[in-house]
Amino acid sequence: MTSLFDFAQSSDAAKWQIVNDGVMGGRSSSQASIVKLDTGEDAMRFAGNLSLENNGGFASVRSRPSGSLGLDPGETIVLRVKGDGRRYTFNLYTPDRRTAFSYQMEFATTAGQWTEVKLPVDQFVAHSFGRRMANMRLTPSQVQSIGILLGDKKPGPFEILIDSIMVQ
């Protein structure tokens, strides 16, 4: 497996940015930070409060674009996460994306348990403003940024720890 992100240093947090529903007038809040686990390893903590007020309802963290991530057809993204029992969306962003456009795949978490999540690159589906876009195919080599989004329409606090993001 090849590592995309392993969060080994506190400076790794600078490679990520928060994008919440405030860009559309919503009131959700979130933050991302590098935390030390009980094992001594580091992980990214993405946590906050999801609000449905003022037409809100999503919180996200995404990597800052830095050129192609080198994904190929047939590969699988493998996450090691410890969630809160909620369903999150993993996003792939390409440079030709329009506003609120990404290729998406949902994944479930188990509250308080580390889980390995496998997301086949060929199964990501194009979405714009939360709507599925028919007939748009991902070219994996064009992916320059990734992200994790919570938009399950359930207001309240959330937290997910991401230990690693790999490709196999």
N, C-alpha and C. Protein backbone atom coordinates (compact mmCIF):
# COMPACT_ATOMS: atom_id res chain seq x y z
N MET A 1 0.84 -1.19 0.00
CA MET A 1 0.00 0.00 0.00
C MET A 1 0.88 1.25 0.00
N THR A 2 0.37 2.28 -0.60
CA THR A 2 1.06 3.57 -0.67
C THR A 2 0.31 4.58 0.19
N SER A 3 1.03 5.34 0.97
CA SER A 3 0.41 6.33 1.85
C SER A 3 0.11 7.62 1.09
N LEU A 4 -1.13 8.10 1.21
CA LEU A 4 -1.48 9.43 0.72
C LEU A 4 -1.29 10.45 1.84
N PHE A 5 -1.79 10.11 3.03
CA PHE A 5 -1.66 10.96 4.21
C PHE A 5 -1.54 10.06 5.43
N ASP A 6 -0.55 10.35 6.30
CA ASP A 6 -0.40 9.54 7.51
C ASP A 6 -0.42 10.36 8.80
N PHE A 7 -0.47 11.70 8.68
CA PHE A 7 -0.63 12.58 9.84
C PHE A 7 0.45 12.37 10.90
N ALA A 8 1.68 12.13 10.45
CA ALA A 8 2.79 11.84 11.36
C ALA A 8 3.34 13.07 12.08
N GLN A 9 3.02 14.27 11.59
CA GLN A 9 3.55 15.48 12.21
C GLN A 9 2.43 16.49 12.42
N SER A 10 2.55 17.28 13.46
CA SER A 10 1.52 18.28 13.73
C SER A 10 1.40 19.28 12.59
N SER A 11 2.47 19.49 11.83
CA SER A 11 2.43 20.41 10.69
C SER A 11 1.56 19.87 9.56
N ASP A 12 1.21 18.58 9.59
CA ASP A 12 0.35 18.01 8.55
C ASP A 12 -1.03 18.66 8.54
N ALA A 13 -1.45 19.24 9.65
CA ALA A 13 -2.76 19.90 9.71
C ALA A 13 -2.83 21.07 8.73
N ALA A 14 -1.70 21.70 8.44
CA ALA A 14 -1.67 22.84 7.51
C ALA A 14 -1.97 22.42 6.08
N LYS A 15 -1.92 21.13 5.80
CA LYS A 15 -2.21 20.63 4.45
C LYS A 15 -3.71 20.47 4.23
N TRP A 16 -4.52 20.80 5.24
CA TRP A 16 -5.97 20.61 5.19
C TRP A 16 -6.68 21.92 5.47
N GLN A 17 -7.89 22.05 4.91
CA GLN A 17 -8.70 23.24 5.15
C GLN A 17 -10.14 22.84 5.45
N ILE A 18 -10.79 23.65 6.26
CA ILE A 18 -12.19 23.43 6.63
C ILE A 18 -13.08 24.17 5.64
N VAL A 19 -14.13 23.49 5.17
CA VAL A 19 -15.17 24.13 4.35
C VAL A 19 -16.51 23.67 4.92
N ASN A 20 -17.21 24.60 5.59
CA ASN A 20 -18.51 24.29 6.19
C ASN A 20 -19.62 24.99 5.44
N ASP A 21 -20.85 24.75 5.89
CA ASP A 21 -22.02 25.34 5.23
C ASP A 21 -22.11 26.85 5.39
N GLY A 22 -21.21 27.45 6.15
CA GLY A 22 -21.17 28.91 6.28
C GLY A 22 -20.96 29.59 4.94
N VAL A 23 -20.37 28.87 3.97
CA VAL A 23 -20.19 29.44 2.63
C VAL A 23 -21.54 29.70 1.96
N MET A 24 -22.62 29.09 2.53
CA MET A 24 -23.97 29.28 2.00
C MET A 24 -24.90 29.87 3.06
N GLY A 25 -24.35 30.38 4.15
CA GLY A 25 -25.16 30.98 5.20
C GLY A 25 -25.49 30.06 6.36
N GLY A 26 -25.02 28.81 6.31
CA GLY A 26 -25.31 27.85 7.38
C GLY A 26 -24.52 28.15 8.65
N ARG A 27 -24.77 27.34 9.69
CA ARG A 27 -24.16 27.60 11.00
C ARG A 27 -23.36 26.43 11.57
N SER A 28 -23.05 25.44 10.75
CA SER A 28 -22.24 24.32 11.24
C SER A 28 -20.83 24.81 11.54
N SER A 29 -20.17 24.14 12.47
CA SER A 29 -18.79 24.50 12.82
C SER A 29 -17.95 23.23 12.90
N SER A 30 -16.68 23.35 12.58
CA SER A 30 -15.78 22.20 12.69
C SER A 30 -14.34 22.66 12.73
N GLN A 31 -13.47 21.76 13.12
CA GLN A 31 -12.04 22.01 13.12
C GLN A 31 -11.32 20.69 12.87
N ALA A 32 -10.11 20.81 12.38
CA ALA A 32 -9.25 19.64 12.16
C ALA A 32 -7.93 19.89 12.87
N SER A 33 -7.43 18.86 13.54
CA SER A 33 -6.16 18.99 14.24
C SER A 33 -5.48 17.63 14.29
N ILE A 34 -4.19 17.64 14.50
CA ILE A 34 -3.43 16.40 14.67
C ILE A 34 -3.39 16.10 16.17
N VAL A 35 -3.79 14.88 16.54
CA VAL A 35 -3.84 14.48 17.95
C VAL A 35 -2.99 13.23 18.16
N LYS A 36 -2.51 13.06 19.38
CA LYS A 36 -1.74 11.89 19.76
C LYS A 36 -2.70 10.81 20.28
N LEU A 37 -2.61 9.60 19.72
CA LEU A 37 -3.45 8.49 20.16
C LEU A 37 -2.83 7.80 21.36
N ASP A 38 -3.62 6.95 22.04
CA ASP A 38 -3.12 6.19 23.18
C ASP A 38 -1.92 5.33 22.81
N THR A 39 -1.85 4.92 21.55
CA THR A 39 -0.76 4.07 21.06
C THR A 39 0.53 4.85 20.83
N GLY A 40 0.44 6.18 20.92
CA GLY A 40 1.59 7.03 20.63
C GLY A 40 1.62 7.52 19.20
N GLU A 41 0.77 6.95 18.35
CA GLU A 41 0.68 7.37 16.95
C GLU A 41 -0.14 8.66 16.86
N ASP A 42 -0.01 9.34 15.73
CA ASP A 42 -0.78 10.55 15.48
C ASP A 42 -1.92 10.27 14.52
N ALA A 43 -2.98 11.07 14.63
CA ALA A 43 -4.14 10.96 13.73
C ALA A 43 -4.72 12.35 13.54
N MET A 44 -5.50 12.52 12.49
CA MET A 44 -6.22 13.78 12.31
C MET A 44 -7.59 13.63 12.97
N ARG A 45 -7.94 14.61 13.78
CA ARG A 45 -9.25 14.66 14.42
C ARG A 45 -10.07 15.72 13.69
N PHE A 46 -11.20 15.29 13.11
CA PHE A 46 -12.14 16.20 12.47
C PHE A 46 -13.40 16.15 13.32
N ALA A 47 -13.75 17.28 13.93
CA ALA A 47 -14.86 17.31 14.88
C ALA A 47 -15.55 18.66 14.84
N GLY A 48 -16.79 18.67 15.31
CA GLY A 48 -17.52 19.92 15.36
C GLY A 48 -18.98 19.71 15.69
N ASN A 49 -19.79 20.62 15.19
CA ASN A 49 -21.23 20.57 15.43
C ASN A 49 -21.97 20.81 14.12
N LEU A 50 -22.80 19.86 13.73
CA LEU A 50 -23.59 19.99 12.51
C LEU A 50 -24.89 20.70 12.85
N SER A 51 -25.18 21.76 12.11
CA SER A 51 -26.39 22.55 12.33
C SER A 51 -27.23 22.57 11.06
N LEU A 52 -28.54 22.48 11.22
CA LEU A 52 -29.45 22.59 10.08
C LEU A 52 -30.04 23.99 9.97
N GLU A 53 -29.64 24.88 10.89
CA GLU A 53 -30.15 26.25 10.88
C GLU A 53 -29.75 26.99 9.61
N ASN A 54 -30.63 27.88 9.19
CA ASN A 54 -30.34 28.78 8.07
C ASN A 54 -29.93 28.03 6.80
N ASN A 55 -30.63 26.91 6.54
CA ASN A 55 -30.39 26.08 5.36
C ASN A 55 -29.00 25.43 5.35
N GLY A 56 -28.44 25.22 6.54
CA GLY A 56 -27.14 24.57 6.66
C GLY A 56 -27.26 23.07 6.62
N GLY A 57 -26.19 22.40 7.01
CA GLY A 57 -26.26 20.95 7.11
C GLY A 57 -25.03 20.20 6.65
N PHE A 58 -23.88 20.88 6.46
CA PHE A 58 -22.68 20.10 6.16
C PHE A 58 -21.43 20.74 6.77
N ALA A 59 -20.48 19.88 7.06
CA ALA A 59 -19.16 20.29 7.53
C ALA A 59 -18.16 19.40 6.81
N SER A 60 -17.04 19.98 6.40
CA SER A 60 -16.06 19.17 5.68
C SER A 60 -14.64 19.64 5.94
N VAL A 61 -13.72 18.72 5.71
CA VAL A 61 -12.29 19.02 5.73
C VAL A 61 -11.73 18.45 4.43
N ARG A 62 -10.86 19.22 3.78
CA ARG A 62 -10.28 18.74 2.52
C ARG A 62 -8.81 19.11 2.44
N SER A 63 -8.08 18.26 1.75
CA SER A 63 -6.66 18.53 1.56
C SER A 63 -6.48 19.68 0.57
N ARG A 64 -5.44 20.45 0.79
CA ARG A 64 -5.14 21.53 -0.14
C ARG A 64 -4.53 20.91 -1.40
N PRO A 65 -4.98 21.34 -2.59
CA PRO A 65 -4.44 20.76 -3.83
C PRO A 65 -2.93 20.96 -3.93
N SER A 66 -2.24 19.91 -4.36
CA SER A 66 -0.79 20.00 -4.51
C SER A 66 -0.32 19.15 -5.68
N GLY A 67 -1.07 19.17 -6.76
CA GLY A 67 -0.73 18.34 -7.92
C GLY A 67 -1.42 17.00 -7.83
N SER A 68 -1.27 16.20 -8.85
CA SER A 68 -1.93 14.90 -8.92
C SER A 68 -1.52 14.01 -7.74
N LEU A 69 -2.50 13.30 -7.18
CA LEU A 69 -2.22 12.36 -6.09
C LEU A 69 -1.75 11.02 -6.63
N GLY A 70 -1.75 10.86 -7.96
CA GLY A 70 -1.22 9.65 -8.58
C GLY A 70 -2.15 8.45 -8.51
N LEU A 71 -3.46 8.70 -8.44
CA LEU A 71 -4.41 7.58 -8.41
C LEU A 71 -4.55 6.98 -9.81
N ASP A 72 -4.79 5.67 -9.85
CA ASP A 72 -4.98 4.95 -11.10
C ASP A 72 -6.29 4.18 -11.07
N PRO A 73 -6.87 3.90 -12.26
CA PRO A 73 -8.08 3.07 -12.31
C PRO A 73 -7.80 1.72 -11.64
N GLY A 74 -8.80 1.19 -10.98
CA GLY A 74 -8.68 -0.11 -10.33
C GLY A 74 -8.10 -0.07 -8.93
N GLU A 75 -7.60 1.09 -8.50
CA GLU A 75 -7.05 1.19 -7.15
C GLU A 75 -8.17 1.38 -6.13
N THR A 76 -7.82 1.16 -4.87
CA THR A 76 -8.76 1.32 -3.76
C THR A 76 -8.15 2.23 -2.72
N ILE A 77 -8.93 3.20 -2.26
CA ILE A 77 -8.51 4.06 -1.16
C ILE A 77 -8.87 3.33 0.14
N VAL A 78 -7.91 3.25 1.05
CA VAL A 78 -8.12 2.54 2.31
C VAL A 78 -7.92 3.54 3.46
N LEU A 79 -8.98 3.72 4.25
CA LEU A 79 -8.95 4.61 5.40
C LEU A 79 -8.91 3.78 6.67
N ARG A 80 -8.22 4.27 7.67
CA ARG A 80 -8.33 3.70 9.02
C ARG A 80 -8.91 4.81 9.87
N VAL A 81 -10.17 4.59 10.32
CA VAL A 81 -10.90 5.64 11.03
C VAL A 81 -11.52 5.11 12.32
N LYS A 82 -11.73 6.03 13.24
CA LYS A 82 -12.49 5.75 14.46
C LYS A 82 -13.59 6.79 14.50
N GLY A 83 -14.82 6.35 14.29
CA GLY A 83 -15.92 7.28 14.15
C GLY A 83 -16.86 7.33 15.32
N ASP A 84 -18.01 7.90 15.04
CA ASP A 84 -19.05 8.11 16.05
C ASP A 84 -20.36 7.43 15.67
N GLY A 85 -20.32 6.52 14.71
CA GLY A 85 -21.52 5.82 14.28
C GLY A 85 -22.27 6.51 13.16
N ARG A 86 -21.77 7.65 12.70
CA ARG A 86 -22.45 8.38 11.62
C ARG A 86 -21.86 7.97 10.27
N ARG A 87 -22.61 8.33 9.20
CA ARG A 87 -22.16 8.08 7.83
C ARG A 87 -21.50 9.36 7.29
N TYR A 88 -20.31 9.19 6.78
CA TYR A 88 -19.55 10.29 6.21
C TYR A 88 -19.43 10.08 4.70
N THR A 89 -19.01 11.12 4.01
CA THR A 89 -18.78 11.05 2.57
C THR A 89 -17.32 11.35 2.30
N PHE A 90 -16.69 10.49 1.51
CA PHE A 90 -15.31 10.73 1.08
C PHE A 90 -15.37 11.35 -0.30
N ASN A 91 -14.68 12.48 -0.48
CA ASN A 91 -14.72 13.22 -1.74
C ASN A 91 -13.37 13.21 -2.45
N LEU A 92 -13.43 13.15 -3.78
CA LEU A 92 -12.26 13.31 -4.63
C LEU A 92 -12.50 14.56 -5.47
N TYR A 93 -11.50 15.44 -5.51
CA TYR A 93 -11.63 16.71 -6.24
C TYR A 93 -10.62 16.75 -7.39
N THR A 94 -11.09 17.21 -8.55
CA THR A 94 -10.24 17.37 -9.73
C THR A 94 -10.12 18.86 -10.05
N PRO A 95 -9.09 19.29 -10.78
CA PRO A 95 -8.89 20.72 -11.02
C PRO A 95 -9.98 21.35 -11.89
N ASP A 96 -10.66 20.56 -12.68
CA ASP A 96 -11.70 21.12 -13.55
C ASP A 96 -13.05 21.20 -12.85
N ARG A 97 -13.05 20.96 -11.54
CA ARG A 97 -14.32 20.95 -10.82
C ARG A 97 -14.96 22.33 -10.80
N ARG A 98 -16.25 22.30 -10.79
CA ARG A 98 -17.01 23.54 -10.62
C ARG A 98 -17.33 23.70 -9.14
N THR A 99 -17.96 24.79 -8.77
CA THR A 99 -18.34 25.01 -7.38
C THR A 99 -19.17 23.84 -6.88
N ALA A 100 -18.84 23.36 -5.70
CA ALA A 100 -19.57 22.27 -5.03
C ALA A 100 -19.59 20.99 -5.85
N PHE A 101 -18.53 20.72 -6.61
CA PHE A 101 -18.46 19.51 -7.43
C PHE A 101 -17.38 18.58 -6.88
N SER A 102 -17.73 17.30 -6.77
CA SER A 102 -16.75 16.29 -6.38
C SER A 102 -17.25 14.92 -6.79
N TYR A 103 -16.35 13.96 -6.72
CA TYR A 103 -16.71 12.55 -6.89
C TYR A 103 -16.81 11.99 -5.48
N GLN A 104 -17.91 11.29 -5.18
CA GLN A 104 -18.20 10.93 -3.80
C GLN A 104 -18.47 9.45 -3.60
N MET A 105 -18.20 9.00 -2.37
CA MET A 105 -18.61 7.68 -1.91
C MET A 105 -18.84 7.77 -0.40
N GLU A 106 -19.97 7.28 0.06
CA GLU A 106 -20.28 7.29 1.49
C GLU A 106 -19.63 6.09 2.18
N PHE A 107 -19.38 6.27 3.48
CA PHE A 107 -18.90 5.16 4.30
C PHE A 107 -19.46 5.29 5.71
N ALA A 108 -19.67 4.15 6.33
CA ALA A 108 -20.21 4.11 7.69
C ALA A 108 -19.07 4.02 8.70
N THR A 109 -19.33 4.52 9.90
CA THR A 109 -18.38 4.36 11.00
C THR A 109 -19.08 3.63 12.14
N THR A 110 -18.29 3.00 12.99
CA THR A 110 -18.80 2.35 14.18
C THR A 110 -18.33 3.16 15.38
N ALA A 111 -19.27 3.57 16.21
CA ALA A 111 -18.94 4.43 17.35
C ALA A 111 -17.86 3.81 18.23
N GLY A 112 -16.77 4.57 18.41
CA GLY A 112 -15.71 4.17 19.33
C GLY A 112 -14.81 3.05 18.88
N GLN A 113 -14.93 2.60 17.62
CA GLN A 113 -14.11 1.48 17.15
C GLN A 113 -13.31 1.88 15.92
N TRP A 114 -12.07 1.42 15.86
CA TRP A 114 -11.26 1.61 14.66
C TRP A 114 -11.77 0.68 13.57
N THR A 115 -11.91 1.21 12.38
CA THR A 115 -12.43 0.46 11.24
C THR A 115 -11.56 0.74 10.02
N GLU A 116 -11.35 -0.29 9.22
CA GLU A 116 -10.69 -0.10 7.93
C GLU A 116 -11.79 0.02 6.87
N VAL A 117 -11.77 1.12 6.13
CA VAL A 117 -12.78 1.40 5.12
C VAL A 117 -12.12 1.31 3.75
N LYS A 118 -12.70 0.52 2.85
CA LYS A 118 -12.15 0.38 1.49
C LYS A 118 -13.10 1.03 0.49
N LEU A 119 -12.55 1.95 -0.31
CA LEU A 119 -13.33 2.73 -1.27
C LEU A 119 -12.72 2.58 -2.66
N PRO A 120 -13.28 1.69 -3.51
CA PRO A 120 -12.75 1.51 -4.86
C PRO A 120 -12.87 2.80 -5.68
N VAL A 121 -11.76 3.27 -6.22
CA VAL A 121 -11.73 4.52 -6.98
C VAL A 121 -12.74 4.50 -8.13
N ASP A 122 -12.90 3.35 -8.77
CA ASP A 122 -13.80 3.25 -9.93
C ASP A 122 -15.27 3.36 -9.57
N GLN A 123 -15.60 3.35 -8.27
CA GLN A 123 -17.01 3.41 -7.86
C GLN A 123 -17.44 4.78 -7.34
N PHE A 124 -16.55 5.76 -7.39
CA PHE A 124 -16.93 7.11 -6.97
C PHE A 124 -17.88 7.70 -8.00
N VAL A 125 -18.87 8.48 -7.51
CA VAL A 125 -19.91 9.04 -8.37
C VAL A 125 -19.86 10.57 -8.30
N ALA A 126 -19.98 11.21 -9.47
CA ALA A 126 -19.94 12.67 -9.55
C ALA A 126 -21.19 13.28 -8.90
N HIS A 127 -20.97 14.36 -8.12
CA HIS A 127 -22.06 15.10 -7.49
C HIS A 127 -21.78 16.60 -7.59
N SER A 128 -22.83 17.38 -7.73
CA SER A 128 -22.72 18.83 -7.70
C SER A 128 -23.86 19.36 -6.83
N PHE A 129 -23.52 20.16 -5.84
CA PHE A 129 -24.51 20.67 -4.88
C PHE A 129 -25.38 19.54 -4.32
N GLY A 130 -24.75 18.40 -4.03
CA GLY A 130 -25.44 17.28 -3.42
C GLY A 130 -26.26 16.44 -4.37
N ARG A 131 -26.27 16.77 -5.64
CA ARG A 131 -27.05 16.01 -6.63
C ARG A 131 -26.13 15.17 -7.50
N ARG A 132 -26.56 13.94 -7.73
CA ARG A 132 -25.81 13.02 -8.58
C ARG A 132 -25.79 13.54 -10.02
N MET A 133 -24.62 13.49 -10.64
CA MET A 133 -24.46 13.93 -12.03
C MET A 133 -24.28 12.70 -12.92
N ALA A 134 -25.25 12.46 -13.77
CA ALA A 134 -25.19 11.28 -14.64
C ALA A 134 -24.11 11.45 -15.71
N ASN A 135 -23.56 10.35 -16.13
CA ASN A 135 -22.62 10.28 -17.26
C ASN A 135 -21.32 11.06 -17.08
N MET A 136 -20.92 11.33 -15.86
CA MET A 136 -19.62 11.98 -15.63
C MET A 136 -18.69 10.95 -15.00
N ARG A 137 -17.61 10.65 -15.68
CA ARG A 137 -16.66 9.64 -15.23
C ARG A 137 -15.41 10.28 -14.64
N LEU A 138 -14.95 9.69 -13.56
CA LEU A 138 -13.73 10.14 -12.91
C LEU A 138 -12.51 9.66 -13.70
N THR A 139 -11.57 10.55 -13.91
CA THR A 139 -10.24 10.19 -14.40
C THR A 139 -9.33 10.26 -13.18
N PRO A 140 -9.01 9.09 -12.58
CA PRO A 140 -8.29 9.08 -11.31
C PRO A 140 -7.00 9.90 -11.30
N SER A 141 -6.27 9.91 -12.41
CA SER A 141 -4.99 10.64 -12.44
C SER A 141 -5.17 12.15 -12.30
N GLN A 142 -6.39 12.65 -12.45
CA GLN A 142 -6.66 14.08 -12.31
C GLN A 142 -6.98 14.51 -10.88
N VAL A 143 -7.14 13.56 -9.97
CA VAL A 143 -7.49 13.90 -8.58
C VAL A 143 -6.31 14.63 -7.93
N GLN A 144 -6.59 15.83 -7.39
CA GLN A 144 -5.56 16.64 -6.75
C GLN A 144 -5.84 16.91 -5.27
N SER A 145 -7.04 16.54 -4.82
CA SER A 145 -7.42 16.84 -3.45
C SER A 145 -8.47 15.83 -3.02
N ILE A 146 -8.50 15.55 -1.71
CA ILE A 146 -9.49 14.64 -1.15
C ILE A 146 -10.14 15.31 0.05
N GLY A 147 -11.27 14.78 0.48
CA GLY A 147 -11.93 15.36 1.64
C GLY A 147 -12.90 14.42 2.30
N ILE A 148 -13.27 14.78 3.51
CA ILE A 148 -14.29 14.04 4.27
C ILE A 148 -15.36 15.03 4.66
N LEU A 149 -16.61 14.66 4.40
CA LEU A 149 -17.75 15.53 4.62
C LEU A 149 -18.79 14.82 5.47
N LEU A 150 -19.42 15.56 6.36
CA LEU A 150 -20.58 15.06 7.10
C LEU A 150 -21.76 15.90 6.67
N GLY A 151 -22.80 15.25 6.18
CA GLY A 151 -24.00 15.95 5.74
C GLY A 151 -25.21 15.05 5.89
N ASP A 152 -25.30 14.34 7.02
CA ASP A 152 -26.36 13.33 7.22
C ASP A 152 -27.68 13.89 7.73
N LYS A 153 -27.81 15.21 7.77
CA LYS A 153 -29.05 15.88 8.20
C LYS A 153 -29.44 15.58 9.65
N LYS A 154 -28.45 15.23 10.47
CA LYS A 154 -28.67 14.97 11.90
C LYS A 154 -27.88 16.01 12.69
N PRO A 155 -28.55 17.03 13.22
CA PRO A 155 -27.82 18.06 13.95
C PRO A 155 -27.17 17.52 15.22
N GLY A 156 -26.06 18.15 15.59
CA GLY A 156 -25.40 17.77 16.83
C GLY A 156 -23.91 17.58 16.64
N PRO A 157 -23.22 17.25 17.74
CA PRO A 157 -21.77 17.09 17.70
C PRO A 157 -21.35 15.85 16.91
N PHE A 158 -20.16 15.93 16.35
CA PHE A 158 -19.60 14.78 15.63
C PHE A 158 -18.09 14.75 15.84
N GLU A 159 -17.51 13.57 15.62
CA GLU A 159 -16.06 13.42 15.71
C GLU A 159 -15.64 12.16 14.95
N ILE A 160 -14.61 12.32 14.14
CA ILE A 160 -14.00 11.18 13.48
C ILE A 160 -12.49 11.35 13.55
N LEU A 161 -11.79 10.27 13.86
CA LEU A 161 -10.33 10.26 13.85
C LEU A 161 -9.88 9.51 12.61
N ILE A 162 -8.93 10.08 11.88
CA ILE A 162 -8.40 9.44 10.68
C ILE A 162 -6.92 9.15 10.94
N ASP A 163 -6.59 7.86 11.02
CA ASP A 163 -5.23 7.44 11.31
C ASP A 163 -4.37 7.45 10.05
N SER A 164 -4.95 7.01 8.93
CA SER A 164 -4.19 6.97 7.69
C SER A 164 -5.14 6.94 6.50
N ILE A 165 -4.63 7.42 5.37
CA ILE A 165 -5.32 7.34 4.09
C ILE A 165 -4.31 6.75 3.12
N MET A 166 -4.59 5.53 2.67
CA MET A 166 -3.66 4.77 1.83
C MET A 166 -4.32 4.44 0.49
N VAL A 167 -3.50 3.95 -0.44
CA VAL A 167 -4.00 3.46 -1.74
C VAL A 167 -3.41 2.08 -1.96
N GLN A 168 -4.26 1.16 -2.42
CA GLN A 168 -3.76 -0.18 -2.78
C GLN A 168 -4.27 -0.55 -4.14
